[in-house]
Amino acid sequence: MIHTLLVSSDPEFFKGLEPEFNASGIEFNTETTGKAALEKLPIDLLIVDENLKDMEAKAFIEAVITQSPMTNCVVASPRSKKSFHDFYEGYGVLMQFPAWPKDDQAKKLIAHLNKIQLLQTQVR
């Protein structure tokens, strides 16, 4: 079971991910502030809207990886791929979602997480 936290100031922001997550058995909770989300750590996967109202997403990611370094982070951002990479380089962000992600992003993420899990079991 992958414990996931979806963080956005808009409670509807991640609704497009929910059907695929439910179908794949991904357990998720939501928070509307970075501060509240930090109280939920540790978790396996964090998906955050870059436009949080209470803190900068980059500062939020830094706080997450400081408290819970094994948490996989995904950021929903309208930035170009290059701008996103340059901005979040060194923060261990797993992938970028577009703003208002849908089921196809959820499917890509699940496939990526399955590859990571497969690699981890091969290393053991």
C-alpha atoms as a PDB file:
ATOM      1  CA  MET A   1       0.000   0.000   0.000  1.00  0.00           C
ATOM      2  CA  ILE A   2       1.374   3.391  -1.000  1.00  0.00           C
ATOM      3  CA  HIS A   3       0.335   6.090   1.480  1.00  0.00           C
ATOM      4  CA  THR A   4      -0.100   9.298  -0.488  1.00  0.00           C
ATOM      5  CA  LEU A   5      -0.762  12.885   0.491  1.00  0.00           C
ATOM      6  CA  LEU A   6      -2.239  15.337  -2.023  1.00  0.00           C
ATOM      7  CA  VAL A   7      -1.600  18.970  -1.086  1.00  0.00           C
ATOM      8  CA  SER A   8      -3.338  21.900  -2.755  1.00  0.00           C
ATOM      9  CA  SER A   9      -5.061  25.054  -1.568  1.00  0.00           C
ATOM     10  CA  ASP A  10      -7.922  24.052  -3.889  1.00  0.00           C
ATOM     11  CA  PRO A  11      -9.647  20.866  -2.640  1.00  0.00           C
ATOM     12  CA  GLU A  12     -10.704  20.010  -6.226  1.00  0.00           C
ATOM     13  CA  PHE A  13      -7.203  20.297  -7.732  1.00  0.00           C
ATOM     14  CA  PHE A  14      -6.364  16.575  -7.653  1.00  0.00           C
ATOM     15  CA  LYS A  15      -9.852  15.132  -8.330  1.00  0.00           C
ATOM     16  CA  GLY A  16      -8.661  13.876 -11.737  1.00  0.00           C
ATOM     17  CA  LEU A  17      -6.204  11.493 -10.035  1.00  0.00           C
ATOM     18  CA  GLU A  18      -8.648   9.901  -7.630  1.00  0.00           C
ATOM     19  CA  PRO A  19     -10.339   7.310  -9.909  1.00  0.00           C
ATOM     20  CA  GLU A  20      -7.018   5.805 -11.013  1.00  0.00           C
ATOM     21  CA  PHE A  21      -5.632   5.875  -7.476  1.00  0.00           C
ATOM     22  CA  ASN A  22      -8.743   4.128  -6.175  1.00  0.00           C
ATOM     23  CA  ALA A  23      -8.557   1.498  -8.928  1.00  0.00           C
ATOM     24  CA  SER A  24      -4.872   0.873  -8.154  1.00  0.00           C
ATOM     25  CA  GLY A  25      -5.300   0.607  -4.395  1.00  0.00           C
ATOM     26  CA  ILE A  26      -3.350   3.783  -3.628  1.00  0.00           C
ATOM     27  CA  GLU A  27      -4.492   5.156  -0.304  1.00  0.00           C
ATOM     28  CA  PHE A  28      -4.547   8.950  -0.248  1.00  0.00           C
ATOM     29  CA  ASN A  29      -5.455  11.852   1.990  1.00  0.00           C
ATOM     30  CA  THR A  30      -5.658  15.540   1.189  1.00  0.00           C
ATOM     31  CA  GLU A  31      -4.483  18.714   2.885  1.00  0.00           C
ATOM     32  CA  THR A  32      -4.983  22.335   1.876  1.00  0.00           C
ATOM     33  CA  THR A  33      -1.867  23.802   3.510  1.00  0.00           C
ATOM     34  CA  GLY A  34       1.796  22.930   3.578  1.00  0.00           C
ATOM     35  CA  LYS A  35       1.848  23.354   7.346  1.00  0.00           C
ATOM     36  CA  ALA A  36      -0.903  20.782   7.873  1.00  0.00           C
ATOM     37  CA  ALA A  37       0.764  18.416   5.411  1.00  0.00           C
ATOM     38  CA  LEU A  38       4.074  18.543   7.290  1.00  0.00           C
ATOM     39  CA  GLU A  39       2.264  17.217  10.357  1.00  0.00           C
ATOM     40  CA  LYS A  40       1.277  14.082   8.388  1.00  0.00           C
ATOM     41  CA  LEU A  41       4.853  12.934   7.716  1.00  0.00           C
ATOM     42  CA  PRO A  42       6.262  10.386   7.157  1.00  0.00           C
ATOM     43  CA  ILE A  43       4.413   9.224   4.047  1.00  0.00           C
ATOM     44  CA  ASP A  44       5.425   7.318   0.925  1.00  0.00           C
ATOM     45  CA  LEU A  45       4.335   9.779  -1.737  1.00  0.00           C
ATOM     46  CA  LEU A  46       3.589  13.492  -1.729  1.00  0.00           C
ATOM     47  CA  ILE A  47       1.924  15.259  -4.643  1.00  0.00           C
ATOM     48  CA  VAL A  48       1.840  19.026  -4.246  1.00  0.00           C
ATOM     49  CA  ASP A  49       0.317  21.894  -6.186  1.00  0.00           C
ATOM     50  CA  GLU A  50       3.119  24.385  -6.822  1.00  0.00           C
ATOM     51  CA  ASN A  51       0.755  27.240  -5.913  1.00  0.00           C
ATOM     52  CA  LEU A  52       0.197  26.663  -2.203  1.00  0.00           C
ATOM     53  CA  LYS A  53      -1.165  29.697  -0.391  1.00  0.00           C
ATOM     54  CA  ASP A  54       0.694  29.311   2.885  1.00  0.00           C
ATOM     55  CA  MET A  55       4.240  28.614   1.639  1.00  0.00           C
ATOM     56  CA  GLU A  56       6.433  28.353  -1.444  1.00  0.00           C
ATOM     57  CA  ALA A  57       6.354  24.853  -2.926  1.00  0.00           C
ATOM     58  CA  LYS A  58      10.152  24.672  -3.065  1.00  0.00           C
ATOM     59  CA  ALA A  59      10.439  25.518   0.648  1.00  0.00           C
ATOM     60  CA  PHE A  60       7.715  22.971   1.348  1.00  0.00           C
ATOM     61  CA  ILE A  61       9.563  20.228  -0.572  1.00  0.00           C
ATOM     62  CA  GLU A  62      12.758  21.101   1.301  1.00  0.00           C
ATOM     63  CA  ALA A  63      10.939  20.758   4.637  1.00  0.00           C
ATOM     64  CA  VAL A  64       9.455  17.422   3.542  1.00  0.00           C
ATOM     65  CA  ILE A  65      12.762  15.879   2.472  1.00  0.00           C
ATOM     66  CA  THR A  66      14.443  17.171   5.627  1.00  0.00           C
ATOM     67  CA  GLN A  67      11.829  15.502   7.855  1.00  0.00           C
ATOM     68  CA  SER A  68      11.161  12.462   5.689  1.00  0.00           C
ATOM     69  CA  PRO A  69      13.986  11.869   3.189  1.00  0.00           C
ATOM     70  CA  MET A  70      12.446   8.704   1.735  1.00  0.00           C
ATOM     71  CA  THR A  71       9.231  10.444   0.671  1.00  0.00           C
ATOM     72  CA  ASN A  72       8.798  10.540  -3.103  1.00  0.00           C
ATOM     73  CA  CYS A  73       7.675  14.002  -4.226  1.00  0.00           C
ATOM     74  CA  VAL A  74       5.723  15.066  -7.296  1.00  0.00           C
ATOM     75  CA  VAL A  75       4.976  18.707  -8.107  1.00  0.00           C
ATOM     76  CA  ALA A  76       2.057  19.903 -10.229  1.00  0.00           C
ATOM     77  CA  SER A  77       3.439  22.913 -12.038  1.00  0.00           C
ATOM     78  CA  PRO A  78       2.761  24.893 -15.219  1.00  0.00           C
ATOM     79  CA  ARG A  79       6.506  25.530 -15.695  1.00  0.00           C
ATOM     80  CA  SER A  80       8.270  24.366 -18.852  1.00  0.00           C
ATOM     81  CA  LYS A  81      10.273  21.152 -18.451  1.00  0.00           C
ATOM     82  CA  LYS A  82      13.571  23.060 -18.477  1.00  0.00           C
ATOM     83  CA  SER A  83      12.383  25.696 -16.020  1.00  0.00           C
ATOM     84  CA  PHE A  84      10.966  22.984 -13.749  1.00  0.00           C
ATOM     85  CA  HIS A  85      14.205  20.989 -13.858  1.00  0.00           C
ATOM     86  CA  ASP A  86      16.342  24.053 -13.167  1.00  0.00           C
ATOM     87  CA  PHE A  87      14.097  25.228 -10.326  1.00  0.00           C
ATOM     88  CA  TYR A  88      13.791  21.885  -8.491  1.00  0.00           C
ATOM     89  CA  GLU A  89      17.202  20.417  -9.312  1.00  0.00           C
ATOM     90  CA  GLY A  90      18.767  18.866  -6.233  1.00  0.00           C
ATOM     91  CA  TYR A  91      15.453  18.424  -4.413  1.00  0.00           C
ATOM     92  CA  GLY A  92      14.838  14.848  -5.509  1.00  0.00           C
ATOM     93  CA  VAL A  93      11.489  15.573  -7.136  1.00  0.00           C
ATOM     94  CA  LEU A  94      10.331  12.372  -8.808  1.00  0.00           C
ATOM     95  CA  MET A  95       8.314  13.971 -11.608  1.00  0.00           C
ATOM     96  CA  GLN A  96       6.316  16.946 -12.777  1.00  0.00           C
ATOM     97  CA  PHE A  97       2.561  16.902 -13.250  1.00  0.00           C
ATOM     98  CA  PRO A  98       0.711  19.583 -15.189  1.00  0.00           C
ATOM     99  CA  ALA A  99      -1.684  21.788 -13.265  1.00  0.00           C
ATOM    100  CA  TRP A 100      -4.989  19.963 -12.668  1.00  0.00           C
ATOM    101  CA  PRO A 101      -3.550  16.483 -13.369  1.00  0.00           C
ATOM    102  CA  LYS A 102      -5.754  13.746 -14.807  1.00  0.00           C
ATOM    103  CA  ASP A 103      -5.825   9.950 -14.904  1.00  0.00           C
ATOM    104  CA  ASP A 104      -3.102   9.673 -17.559  1.00  0.00           C
ATOM    105  CA  GLN A 105      -0.628  11.336 -15.162  1.00  0.00           C
ATOM    106  CA  ALA A 106      -1.767   8.960 -12.423  1.00  0.00           C
ATOM    107  CA  LYS A 107      -1.125   5.982 -14.713  1.00  0.00           C
ATOM    108  CA  LYS A 108       2.385   7.228 -15.571  1.00  0.00           C
ATOM    109  CA  LEU A 109       3.160   7.780 -11.903  1.00  0.00           C
ATOM    110  CA  ILE A 110       1.917   4.326 -10.913  1.00  0.00           C
ATOM    111  CA  ALA A 111       4.030   2.708 -13.644  1.00  0.00           C
ATOM    112  CA  HIS A 112       7.054   4.677 -12.443  1.00  0.00           C
ATOM    113  CA  LEU A 113       6.458   3.689  -8.804  1.00  0.00           C
ATOM    114  CA  ASN A 114       6.106   0.043  -9.835  1.00  0.00           C
ATOM    115  CA  LYS A 115       9.520   0.216 -11.554  1.00  0.00           C
ATOM    116  CA  ILE A 116      11.054   1.701  -8.406  1.00  0.00           C
ATOM    117  CA  GLN A 117       9.490  -1.025  -6.284  1.00  0.00           C
ATOM    118  CA  LEU A 118      10.782  -3.707  -8.662  1.00  0.00           C
ATOM    119  CA  LEU A 119      14.295  -2.267  -8.480  1.00  0.00           C
ATOM    120  CA  GLN A 120      14.167  -2.149  -4.694  1.00  0.00           C
ATOM    121  CA  THR A 121      13.165  -5.812  -4.467  1.00  0.00           C
ATOM    122  CA  GLN A 122      15.970  -6.811  -6.842  1.00  0.00           C
ATOM    123  CA  VAL A 123      18.554  -5.012  -4.696  1.00  0.00           C
ATOM    124  CA  ARG A 124      17.494  -6.784  -1.492  1.00  0.00           C
END
